[in-house]
Amino acid sequence: MDRPATYARLIELIEPFNKKGIALAESTSFADDLELDSLTVMDLVANIEDEWDINMPLNILPDLETVGQLADAVVKLKG
């Protein structure tokens, strides 16, 4: 699956966590825009891992601040 398809699927996975109903974009911040707490982030990570059968190392999560950065990480982890 290429990056555009990965990004589109990520948007679908993030949408249930988008309680504020904001428009999701590459630059949407999980902390500032979506205001996700750590438990919610872990739920989202679990969904992403299940979707692509990957393991996201916890040490990379602090570096993934936006939807675009997350898409890049998922593509890289899928190899």
PDB file of N, CA and C in Angstrom:
ATOM      1  N   MET A   1       0.858  -1.185   0.000  1.00  0.00           N
ATOM      2  CA  MET A   1       0.000   0.000   0.000  1.00  0.00           C
ATOM      3  C   MET A   1       0.895   1.237   0.000  1.00  0.00           C
ATOM      4  N   ASP A   2       0.613   2.151  -0.900  1.00  0.00           N
ATOM      5  CA  ASP A   2       1.442   3.340  -1.005  1.00  0.00           C
ATOM      6  C   ASP A   2       1.042   4.388   0.032  1.00  0.00           C
ATOM      7  N   ARG A   3       1.805   5.474   0.082  1.00  0.00           N
ATOM      8  CA  ARG A   3       1.564   6.475   1.116  1.00  0.00           C
ATOM      9  C   ARG A   3       0.182   7.127   1.001  1.00  0.00           C
ATOM     10  N   PRO A   4      -0.275   7.529  -0.206  1.00  0.00           N
ATOM     11  CA  PRO A   4      -1.612   8.137  -0.273  1.00  0.00           C
ATOM     12  C   PRO A   4      -2.712   7.205   0.257  1.00  0.00           C
ATOM     13  N   ALA A   5      -2.620   5.931  -0.048  1.00  0.00           N
ATOM     14  CA  ALA A   5      -3.615   4.980   0.447  1.00  0.00           C
ATOM     15  C   ALA A   5      -3.479   4.796   1.957  1.00  0.00           C
ATOM     16  N   THR A   6      -2.247   4.757   2.445  1.00  0.00           N
ATOM     17  CA  THR A   6      -2.007   4.648   3.884  1.00  0.00           C
ATOM     18  C   THR A   6      -2.569   5.871   4.601  1.00  0.00           C
ATOM     19  N   TYR A   7      -2.306   7.041   4.060  1.00  0.00           N
ATOM     20  CA  TYR A   7      -2.795   8.292   4.654  1.00  0.00           C
ATOM     21  C   TYR A   7      -4.324   8.292   4.692  1.00  0.00           C
ATOM     22  N   ALA A   8      -4.948   7.896   3.605  1.00  0.00           N
ATOM     23  CA  ALA A   8      -6.416   7.880   3.543  1.00  0.00           C
ATOM     24  C   ALA A   8      -6.990   6.929   4.590  1.00  0.00           C
ATOM     25  N   ARG A   9      -6.368   5.768   4.755  1.00  0.00           N
ATOM     26  CA  ARG A   9      -6.852   4.810   5.756  1.00  0.00           C
ATOM     27  C   ARG A   9      -6.608   5.342   7.167  1.00  0.00           C
ATOM     28  N   LEU A  10      -5.486   6.016   7.386  1.00  0.00           N
ATOM     29  CA  LEU A  10      -5.220   6.615   8.696  1.00  0.00           C
ATOM     30  C   LEU A  10      -6.293   7.633   9.062  1.00  0.00           C
ATOM     31  N   ILE A  11      -6.707   8.430   8.093  1.00  0.00           N
ATOM     32  CA  ILE A  11      -7.759   9.412   8.341  1.00  0.00           C
ATOM     33  C   ILE A  11      -9.025   8.698   8.831  1.00  0.00           C
ATOM     34  N   GLU A  12      -9.344   7.566   8.199  1.00  0.00           N
ATOM     35  CA  GLU A  12     -10.518   6.789   8.616  1.00  0.00           C
ATOM     36  C   GLU A  12     -10.352   6.259  10.041  1.00  0.00           C
ATOM     37  N   LEU A  13      -9.151   5.831  10.390  1.00  0.00           N
ATOM     38  CA  LEU A  13      -8.900   5.293  11.728  1.00  0.00           C
ATOM     39  C   LEU A  13      -8.906   6.388  12.795  1.00  0.00           C
ATOM     40  N   ILE A  14      -8.484   7.584  12.422  1.00  0.00           N
ATOM     41  CA  ILE A  14      -8.423   8.699  13.372  1.00  0.00           C
ATOM     42  C   ILE A  14      -9.796   9.316  13.602  1.00  0.00           C
ATOM     43  N   GLU A  15     -10.657   9.257  12.612  1.00  0.00           N
ATOM     44  CA  GLU A  15     -11.945   9.951  12.670  1.00  0.00           C
ATOM     45  C   GLU A  15     -12.757   9.658  13.938  1.00  0.00           C
ATOM     46  N   PRO A  16     -12.837   8.402  14.406  1.00  0.00           N
ATOM     47  CA  PRO A  16     -13.600   8.163  15.645  1.00  0.00           C
ATOM     48  C   PRO A  16     -13.027   8.877  16.875  1.00  0.00           C
ATOM     49  N   PHE A  17     -11.764   9.247  16.823  1.00  0.00           N
ATOM     50  CA  PHE A  17     -11.107   9.940  17.937  1.00  0.00           C
ATOM     51  C   PHE A  17     -11.193  11.465  17.782  1.00  0.00           C
ATOM     52  N   ASN A  18     -11.760  11.908  16.663  1.00  0.00           N
ATOM     53  CA  ASN A  18     -11.840  13.332  16.342  1.00  0.00           C
ATOM     54  C   ASN A  18     -13.106  13.928  16.962  1.00  0.00           C
ATOM     55  N   LYS A  19     -13.085  14.062  18.274  1.00  0.00           N
ATOM     56  CA  LYS A  19     -14.269  14.517  19.019  1.00  0.00           C
ATOM     57  C   LYS A  19     -14.654  15.952  18.692  1.00  0.00           C
ATOM     58  N   LYS A  20     -13.696  16.758  18.249  1.00  0.00           N
ATOM     59  CA  LYS A  20     -13.971  18.156  17.943  1.00  0.00           C
ATOM     60  C   LYS A  20     -14.484  18.336  16.515  1.00  0.00           C
ATOM     61  N   GLY A  21     -14.420  17.268  15.717  1.00  0.00           N
ATOM     62  CA  GLY A  21     -14.928  17.333  14.356  1.00  0.00           C
ATOM     63  C   GLY A  21     -14.154  18.256  13.435  1.00  0.00           C
ATOM     64  N   ILE A  22     -12.854  18.412  13.690  1.00  0.00           N
ATOM     65  CA  ILE A  22     -12.063  19.303  12.840  1.00  0.00           C
ATOM     66  C   ILE A  22     -11.665  18.583  11.556  1.00  0.00           C
ATOM     67  N   ALA A  23     -11.359  19.362  10.535  1.00  0.00           N
ATOM     68  CA  ALA A  23     -10.897  18.791   9.273  1.00  0.00           C
ATOM     69  C   ALA A  23      -9.493  18.243   9.474  1.00  0.00           C
ATOM     70  N   LEU A  24      -9.307  16.977   9.147  1.00  0.00           N
ATOM     71  CA  LEU A  24      -7.997  16.351   9.317  1.00  0.00           C
ATOM     72  C   LEU A  24      -7.134  16.626   8.094  1.00  0.00           C
ATOM     73  N   ALA A  25      -5.876  16.965   8.356  1.00  0.00           N
ATOM     74  CA  ALA A  25      -4.919  17.257   7.285  1.00  0.00           C
ATOM     75  C   ALA A  25      -3.549  16.749   7.696  1.00  0.00           C
ATOM     76  N   GLU A  26      -2.590  16.824   6.760  1.00  0.00           N
ATOM     77  CA  GLU A  26      -1.218  16.389   7.044  1.00  0.00           C
ATOM     78  C   GLU A  26      -0.667  17.065   8.300  1.00  0.00           C
ATOM     79  N   SER A  27      -1.012  18.331   8.485  1.00  0.00           N
ATOM     80  CA  SER A  27      -0.436  19.115   9.577  1.00  0.00           C
ATOM     81  C   SER A  27      -1.273  19.080  10.863  1.00  0.00           C
ATOM     82  N   THR A  28      -2.349  18.304  10.884  1.00  0.00           N
ATOM     83  CA  THR A  28      -3.180  18.226  12.087  1.00  0.00           C
ATOM     84  C   THR A  28      -2.369  17.624  13.230  1.00  0.00           C
ATOM     85  N   SER A  29      -2.321  18.325  14.354  1.00  0.00           N
ATOM     86  CA  SER A  29      -1.564  17.885  15.524  1.00  0.00           C
ATOM     87  C   SER A  29      -2.450  17.053  16.445  1.00  0.00           C
ATOM     88  N   PHE A  30      -1.910  15.933  16.903  1.00  0.00           N
ATOM     89  CA  PHE A  30      -2.673  15.073  17.815  1.00  0.00           C
ATOM     90  C   PHE A  30      -2.895  15.755  19.162  1.00  0.00           C
ATOM     91  N   ALA A  31      -1.879  16.434  19.660  1.00  0.00           N
ATOM     92  CA  ALA A  31      -1.984  17.068  20.981  1.00  0.00           C
ATOM     93  C   ALA A  31      -2.738  18.386  20.926  1.00  0.00           C
ATOM     94  N   ASP A  32      -2.346  19.262  20.006  1.00  0.00           N
ATOM     95  CA  ASP A  32      -2.912  20.611  19.978  1.00  0.00           C
ATOM     96  C   ASP A  32      -4.277  20.677  19.300  1.00  0.00           C
ATOM     97  N   ASP A  33      -4.421  20.030  18.141  1.00  0.00           N
ATOM     98  CA  ASP A  33      -5.669  20.131  17.382  1.00  0.00           C
ATOM     99  C   ASP A  33      -6.727  19.132  17.861  1.00  0.00           C
ATOM    100  N   LEU A  34      -6.324  17.875  17.982  1.00  0.00           N
ATOM    101  CA  LEU A  34      -7.280  16.836  18.370  1.00  0.00           C
ATOM    102  C   LEU A  34      -7.400  16.686  19.883  1.00  0.00           C
ATOM    103  N   GLU A  35      -6.414  17.207  20.609  1.00  0.00           N
ATOM    104  CA  GLU A  35      -6.387  17.135  22.069  1.00  0.00           C
ATOM    105  C   GLU A  35      -6.531  15.693  22.587  1.00  0.00           C
ATOM    106  N   LEU A  36      -5.765  14.788  21.987  1.00  0.00           N
ATOM    107  CA  LEU A  36      -5.805  13.388  22.403  1.00  0.00           C
ATOM    108  C   LEU A  36      -4.953  13.195  23.652  1.00  0.00           C
ATOM    109  N   ASP A  37      -5.489  12.472  24.618  1.00  0.00           N
ATOM    110  CA  ASP A  37      -4.691  12.143  25.795  1.00  0.00           C
ATOM    111  C   ASP A  37      -3.912  10.858  25.533  1.00  0.00           C
ATOM    112  N   SER A  38      -3.038  10.500  26.446  1.00  0.00           N
ATOM    113  CA  SER A  38      -2.142   9.359  26.207  1.00  0.00           C
ATOM    114  C   SER A  38      -2.903   8.040  26.057  1.00  0.00           C
ATOM    115  N   LEU A  39      -3.969   7.858  26.796  1.00  0.00           N
ATOM    116  CA  LEU A  39      -4.751   6.621  26.676  1.00  0.00           C
ATOM    117  C   LEU A  39      -5.402   6.524  25.298  1.00  0.00           C
ATOM    118  N   THR A  40      -5.932   7.638  24.829  1.00  0.00           N
ATOM    119  CA  THR A  40      -6.557   7.661  23.504  1.00  0.00           C
ATOM    120  C   THR A  40      -5.522   7.396  22.420  1.00  0.00           C
ATOM    121  N   VAL A  41      -4.338   7.962  22.579  1.00  0.00           N
ATOM    122  CA  VAL A  41      -3.260   7.718  21.620  1.00  0.00           C
ATOM    123  C   VAL A  41      -2.922   6.232  21.581  1.00  0.00           C
ATOM    124  N   MET A  42      -2.883   5.592  22.728  1.00  0.00           N
ATOM    125  CA  MET A  42      -2.566   4.162  22.766  1.00  0.00           C
ATOM    126  C   MET A  42      -3.661   3.333  22.081  1.00  0.00           C
ATOM    127  N   ASP A  43      -4.916   3.745  22.235  1.00  0.00           N
ATOM    128  CA  ASP A  43      -6.011   3.067  21.519  1.00  0.00           C
ATOM    129  C   ASP A  43      -5.832   3.212  20.009  1.00  0.00           C
ATOM    130  N   LEU A  44      -5.486   4.413  19.577  1.00  0.00           N
ATOM    131  CA  LEU A  44      -5.263   4.656  18.155  1.00  0.00           C
ATOM    132  C   LEU A  44      -4.084   3.834  17.648  1.00  0.00           C
ATOM    133  N   VAL A  45      -3.002   3.803  18.403  1.00  0.00           N
ATOM    134  CA  VAL A  45      -1.825   3.013  18.015  1.00  0.00           C
ATOM    135  C   VAL A  45      -2.194   1.538  17.890  1.00  0.00           C
ATOM    136  N   ALA A  46      -2.977   1.022  18.821  1.00  0.00           N
ATOM    137  CA  ALA A  46      -3.405  -0.383  18.761  1.00  0.00           C
ATOM    138  C   ALA A  46      -4.202  -0.645  17.479  1.00  0.00           C
ATOM    139  N   ASN A  47      -5.073   0.282  17.107  1.00  0.00           N
ATOM    140  CA  ASN A  47      -5.852   0.131  15.874  1.00  0.00           C
ATOM    141  C   ASN A  47      -4.948   0.133  14.644  1.00  0.00           C
ATOM    142  N   ILE A  48      -3.947   1.010  14.653  1.00  0.00           N
ATOM    143  CA  ILE A  48      -3.012   1.088  13.531  1.00  0.00           C
ATOM    144  C   ILE A  48      -2.195  -0.200  13.431  1.00  0.00           C
ATOM    145  N   GLU A  49      -1.716  -0.686  14.564  1.00  0.00           N
ATOM    146  CA  GLU A  49      -0.936  -1.930  14.570  1.00  0.00           C
ATOM    147  C   GLU A  49      -1.771  -3.093  14.052  1.00  0.00           C
ATOM    148  N   ASP A  50      -3.032  -3.161  14.454  1.00  0.00           N
ATOM    149  CA  ASP A  50      -3.909  -4.242  13.983  1.00  0.00           C
ATOM    150  C   ASP A  50      -4.185  -4.117  12.483  1.00  0.00           C
ATOM    151  N   GLU A  51      -4.394  -2.898  12.029  1.00  0.00           N
ATOM    152  CA  GLU A  51      -4.722  -2.656  10.618  1.00  0.00           C
ATOM    153  C   GLU A  51      -3.625  -3.136   9.687  1.00  0.00           C
ATOM    154  N   TRP A  52      -2.371  -2.852  10.024  1.00  0.00           N
ATOM    155  CA  TRP A  52      -1.249  -3.176   9.137  1.00  0.00           C
ATOM    156  C   TRP A  52      -0.347  -4.281   9.669  1.00  0.00           C
ATOM    157  N   ASP A  53      -0.716  -4.895  10.789  1.00  0.00           N
ATOM    158  CA  ASP A  53       0.086  -5.971  11.381  1.00  0.00           C
ATOM    159  C   ASP A  53       1.541  -5.526  11.569  1.00  0.00           C
ATOM    160  N   ILE A  54       1.686  -4.379  12.230  1.00  0.00           N
ATOM    161  CA  ILE A  54       3.006  -3.828  12.531  1.00  0.00           C
ATOM    162  C   ILE A  54       3.098  -3.565  14.028  1.00  0.00           C
ATOM    163  N   ASN A  55       4.300  -3.333  14.510  1.00  0.00           N
ATOM    164  CA  ASN A  55       4.516  -2.915  15.891  1.00  0.00           C
ATOM    165  C   ASN A  55       5.157  -1.534  15.875  1.00  0.00           C
ATOM    166  N   MET A  56       4.483  -0.595  16.505  1.00  0.00           N
ATOM    167  CA  MET A  56       5.027   0.760  16.583  1.00  0.00           C
ATOM    168  C   MET A  56       5.834   0.887  17.867  1.00  0.00           C
ATOM    169  N   PRO A  57       7.140   1.090  17.756  1.00  0.00           N
ATOM    170  CA  PRO A  57       7.957   1.257  18.961  1.00  0.00           C
ATOM    171  C   PRO A  57       7.503   2.479  19.754  1.00  0.00           C
ATOM    172  N   LEU A  58       7.337   2.304  21.047  1.00  0.00           N
ATOM    173  CA  LEU A  58       6.858   3.401  21.884  1.00  0.00           C
ATOM    174  C   LEU A  58       7.800   4.596  21.868  1.00  0.00           C
ATOM    175  N   ASN A  59       9.083   4.346  21.626  1.00  0.00           N
ATOM    176  CA  ASN A  59      10.040   5.453  21.648  1.00  0.00           C
ATOM    177  C   ASN A  59       9.882   6.402  20.465  1.00  0.00           C
ATOM    178  N   ILE A  60       9.164   6.001  19.402  1.00  0.00           N
ATOM    179  CA  ILE A  60       8.972   6.923  18.274  1.00  0.00           C
ATOM    180  C   ILE A  60       7.707   7.765  18.437  1.00  0.00           C
ATOM    181  N   LEU A  61       6.814   7.362  19.324  1.00  0.00           N
ATOM    182  CA  LEU A  61       5.542   8.072  19.455  1.00  0.00           C
ATOM    183  C   LEU A  61       5.680   9.558  19.792  1.00  0.00           C
ATOM    184  N   PRO A  62       6.599   9.952  20.685  1.00  0.00           N
ATOM    185  CA  PRO A  62       6.715  11.391  20.971  1.00  0.00           C
ATOM    186  C   PRO A  62       7.107  12.225  19.752  1.00  0.00           C
ATOM    187  N   ASP A  63       7.759  11.601  18.773  1.00  0.00           N
ATOM    188  CA  ASP A  63       8.180  12.324  17.574  1.00  0.00           C
ATOM    189  C   ASP A  63       7.068  12.457  16.542  1.00  0.00           C
ATOM    190  N   LEU A  64       5.976  11.726  16.725  1.00  0.00           N
ATOM    191  CA  LEU A  64       4.875  11.735  15.768  1.00  0.00           C
ATOM    192  C   LEU A  64       3.808  12.710  16.250  1.00  0.00           C
ATOM    193  N   GLU A  65       3.972  13.955  15.861  1.00  0.00           N
ATOM    194  CA  GLU A  65       3.086  15.008  16.354  1.00  0.00           C
ATOM    195  C   GLU A  65       1.925  15.304  15.418  1.00  0.00           C
ATOM    196  N   THR A  66       2.060  14.959  14.128  1.00  0.00           N
ATOM    197  CA  THR A  66       1.024  15.284  13.159  1.00  0.00           C
ATOM    198  C   THR A  66       0.575  14.034  12.397  1.00  0.00           C
ATOM    199  N   VAL A  67      -0.555  14.175  11.729  1.00  0.00           N
ATOM    200  CA  VAL A  67      -1.085  13.063  10.930  1.00  0.00           C
ATOM    201  C   VAL A  67      -0.094  12.691   9.829  1.00  0.00           C
ATOM    202  N   GLY A  68       0.521  13.677   9.207  1.00  0.00           N
ATOM    203  CA  GLY A  68       1.494  13.403   8.149  1.00  0.00           C
ATOM    204  C   GLY A  68       2.703  12.633   8.646  1.00  0.00           C
ATOM    205  N   GLN A  69       3.208  13.011   9.826  1.00  0.00           N
ATOM    206  CA  GLN A  69       4.347  12.289  10.407  1.00  0.00           C
ATOM    207  C   GLN A  69       3.964  10.845  10.723  1.00  0.00           C
ATOM    208  N   LEU A  70       2.748  10.645  11.187  1.00  0.00           N
ATOM    209  CA  LEU A  70       2.280   9.291  11.482  1.00  0.00           C
ATOM    210  C   LEU A  70       2.183   8.468  10.205  1.00  0.00           C
ATOM    211  N   ALA A  71       1.673   9.061   9.142  1.00  0.00           N
ATOM    212  CA  ALA A  71       1.587   8.352   7.860  1.00  0.00           C
ATOM    213  C   ALA A  71       2.963   7.928   7.379  1.00  0.00           C
ATOM    214  N   ASP A  72       3.949   8.828   7.481  1.00  0.00           N
ATOM    215  CA  ASP A  72       5.315   8.495   7.074  1.00  0.00           C
ATOM    216  C   ASP A  72       5.862   7.333   7.902  1.00  0.00           C
ATOM    217  N   ALA A  73       5.596   7.349   9.206  1.00  0.00           N
ATOM    218  CA  ALA A  73       6.095   6.296  10.100  1.00  0.00           C
ATOM    219  C   ALA A  73       5.474   4.955   9.755  1.00  0.00           C
ATOM    220  N   VAL A  74       4.175   4.941   9.495  1.00  0.00           N
ATOM    221  CA  VAL A  74       3.486   3.685   9.162  1.00  0.00           C
ATOM    222  C   VAL A  74       4.046   3.113   7.860  1.00  0.00           C
ATOM    223  N   VAL A  75       4.232   3.959   6.855  1.00  0.00           N
ATOM    224  CA  VAL A  75       4.796   3.502   5.581  1.00  0.00           C
ATOM    225  C   VAL A  75       6.182   2.905   5.811  1.00  0.00           C
ATOM    226  N   LYS A  76       6.995   3.564   6.609  1.00  0.00           N
ATOM    227  CA  LYS A  76       8.348   3.085   6.907  1.00  0.00           C
ATOM    228  C   LYS A  76       8.304   1.747   7.658  1.00  0.00           C
ATOM    229  N   LEU A  77       7.406   1.627   8.646  1.00  0.00           N
ATOM    230  CA  LEU A  77       7.315   0.390   9.418  1.00  0.00           C
ATOM    231  C   LEU A  77       6.795  -0.779   8.589  1.00  0.00           C
ATOM    232  N   LYS A  78       5.954  -0.490   7.619  1.00  0.00           N
ATOM    233  CA  LYS A  78       5.441  -1.551   6.754  1.00  0.00           C
ATOM    234  C   LYS A  78       6.531  -2.064   5.838  1.00  0.00           C
ATOM    235  N   GLY A  79       7.536  -1.208   5.606  1.00  0.00           N
ATOM    236  CA  GLY A  79       8.705  -1.583   4.807  1.00  0.00           C
ATOM    237  C   GLY A  79       8.376  -1.918   3.404  1.00  0.00           C
TER     238      GLY A  79
END
